[in-house]
Every structure is written in C-alpha cells, then in structure tokens.
Amino acid sequence: VFIICATLPLTWTFSTQYYGNTKHTALPNHCYYEELKLAVPVNDTLYPTDIEFQCITVSCRHDYVLVIKHCDRYLLRHGCIEQPPDYSRPYPDCCTQIKCAD
C-alpha cells in the first residue's frame, strides 16, 4: 500500500560521510580533507564555498575523523520546481532550492 501526502513539497535526504585517520601531517590539532586540500581544526567545522558541484560542511572530530555532510537526493512533488544550487553560498544554503505553487 502506497500513501502519498500531497502537502509535502519534497522528500530531502542529507548524506553524511565519515573518514578516519585524517590527522594533518604538518598542522597539529587539524584534520586534512585531501579531496579539497582543506585543513580543518579539531572540534571545528568549515563551510567551503565556490567549489563547483560541492555543497558541503566539513567537521573534524577530536579523534581526527572527518564528518562531511552534503545535500544530495530529493523527490519533487507535482507543482514544485527546483532552482539550481548556488555554490557561492555556505551549506545548507548552497543546496538546490525548491519552490512550490501552494
């Protein structure tokens, strides 16, 4: 049995990735996110902008585990349109924006 709730504009899921053993080799108390060449202070979060196709937040835990969150999937309901992501804005404002008629 499928139930569709017409009042919801979309279903949105945020994806979280974890990377262990990311201790920066040159900077004490920092993780290193190699993919984007980012040094992230321990117990801190960065909100990188102006990276094409990347709408993310990157956190470094006390145990040098990187926690990367990004918006990635949604189901659009009838009557709604999507506006493209704006990579110049920090997460989550860089995510695709949804506008509905009602």
Protein backbone atom coordinates (compact mmCIF):
# COMPACT_ATOMS: atom_id res chain seq x y z
CA VAL A 1 0.00 0.00 0.00
CA PHE A 2 1.39 3.38 -1.01
CA ILE A 3 0.29 6.57 0.69
CA ILE A 4 1.10 9.89 -0.93
CA CYS A 5 0.98 13.03 1.15
CA ALA A 6 0.26 15.91 -1.22
CA THR A 7 1.14 18.59 1.34
CA LEU A 8 4.83 17.78 1.38
CA PRO A 9 6.82 19.63 -1.29
CA LEU A 10 9.55 17.03 -1.41
CA THR A 11 11.49 14.40 0.40
CA TRP A 12 15.05 15.54 1.06
CA THR A 13 17.87 13.48 2.46
CA PHE A 14 21.21 14.70 3.69
CA SER A 15 24.13 12.39 3.23
CA THR A 16 26.90 12.07 5.79
CA GLN A 17 30.30 10.55 5.15
CA TYR A 18 32.96 9.68 7.71
CA TYR A 19 36.69 9.47 7.03
CA GLY A 20 39.05 8.20 9.73
CA ASN A 21 42.79 8.70 10.20
CA THR A 22 42.80 12.20 8.73
CA LYS A 23 45.32 13.80 11.10
CA HIS A 24 47.14 16.58 9.26
CA THR A 25 50.84 15.78 8.90
CA ALA A 26 52.04 19.41 9.15
CA LEU A 27 49.44 21.18 11.30
CA PRO A 28 48.90 19.98 14.87
CA ASN A 29 45.29 19.56 16.00
CA HIS A 30 43.92 19.55 12.44
CA CYS A 31 42.28 17.03 10.15
CA TYR A 32 43.13 17.08 6.46
CA TYR A 33 40.49 16.60 3.79
CA GLU A 34 42.67 15.59 0.88
CA GLU A 35 39.99 15.75 -1.82
CA LEU A 36 39.61 19.51 -1.37
CA LYS A 37 43.00 20.23 0.25
CA LEU A 38 41.31 21.56 3.41
CA ALA A 39 42.89 21.77 6.86
CA VAL A 40 40.10 21.59 9.45
CA PRO A 41 40.82 22.41 13.11
CA VAL A 42 39.87 19.72 15.63
CA ASN A 43 36.35 20.26 17.01
CA ASP A 44 35.61 22.80 14.30
CA THR A 45 33.51 22.95 11.13
CA LEU A 46 34.22 24.56 7.78
CA TYR A 47 31.64 25.66 5.24
CA PRO A 48 33.59 25.85 1.96
CA THR A 49 32.10 27.86 -0.90
CA ASP A 50 32.75 28.41 -4.59
CA ILE A 51 33.66 24.78 -5.27
CA GLU A 52 31.82 23.52 -8.34
CA PHE A 53 29.40 20.68 -7.58
CA GLN A 54 30.27 20.75 -3.85
CA CYS A 55 27.70 21.85 -1.30
CA ILE A 56 29.16 20.53 1.93
CA THR A 57 30.15 21.14 5.51
CA VAL A 58 33.32 19.52 6.83
CA SER A 59 33.88 18.86 10.55
CA CYS A 60 36.90 17.44 12.35
CA ARG A 61 36.15 15.38 15.46
CA HIS A 62 38.51 15.10 18.45
CA ASP A 63 39.60 11.66 17.18
CA TYR A 64 40.60 13.05 13.74
CA VAL A 65 37.55 11.66 11.98
CA LEU A 66 36.23 13.94 9.26
CA VAL A 67 32.45 14.25 9.08
CA ILE A 68 31.26 15.52 5.69
CA LYS A 69 27.63 16.42 5.17
CA HIS A 70 26.08 17.32 1.85
CA CYS A 71 22.63 17.55 0.32
CA ASP A 72 22.17 15.09 -2.43
CA ARG A 73 18.79 13.50 -3.10
CA TYR A 74 15.19 14.56 -3.14
CA LEU A 75 11.87 13.60 -4.71
CA LEU A 76 9.94 16.52 -6.11
CA ARG A 77 6.17 16.53 -5.96
CA HIS A 78 3.91 17.80 -8.73
CA GLY A 79 3.62 21.59 -8.78
CA CYS A 80 7.11 22.21 -7.42
CA ILE A 81 10.19 23.34 -9.31
CA GLU A 82 13.83 23.25 -8.38
CA GLN A 83 16.23 26.15 -8.54
CA PRO A 84 19.85 25.20 -9.18
CA PRO A 85 22.37 25.08 -6.36
CA ASP A 86 24.30 28.25 -5.56
CA TYR A 87 27.84 27.13 -4.77
CA SER A 88 28.79 30.65 -3.67
CA ARG A 89 26.67 30.20 -0.51
CA PRO A 90 27.63 28.11 2.51
CA TYR A 91 25.92 24.81 3.35
CA PRO A 92 22.95 24.27 3.54
CA ASP A 93 22.02 27.44 1.63
CA CYS A 94 24.00 26.19 -1.39
CA CYS A 95 21.64 23.22 -1.80
CA THR A 96 19.08 23.11 -4.60
CA GLN A 97 16.12 25.24 -3.55
CA ILE A 98 12.55 24.01 -4.06
CA LYS A 99 9.64 26.34 -4.86
CA CYS A 100 6.04 25.13 -4.82
CA ALA A 101 2.90 26.83 -6.13
CA ASP A 102 0.97 26.31 -2.89
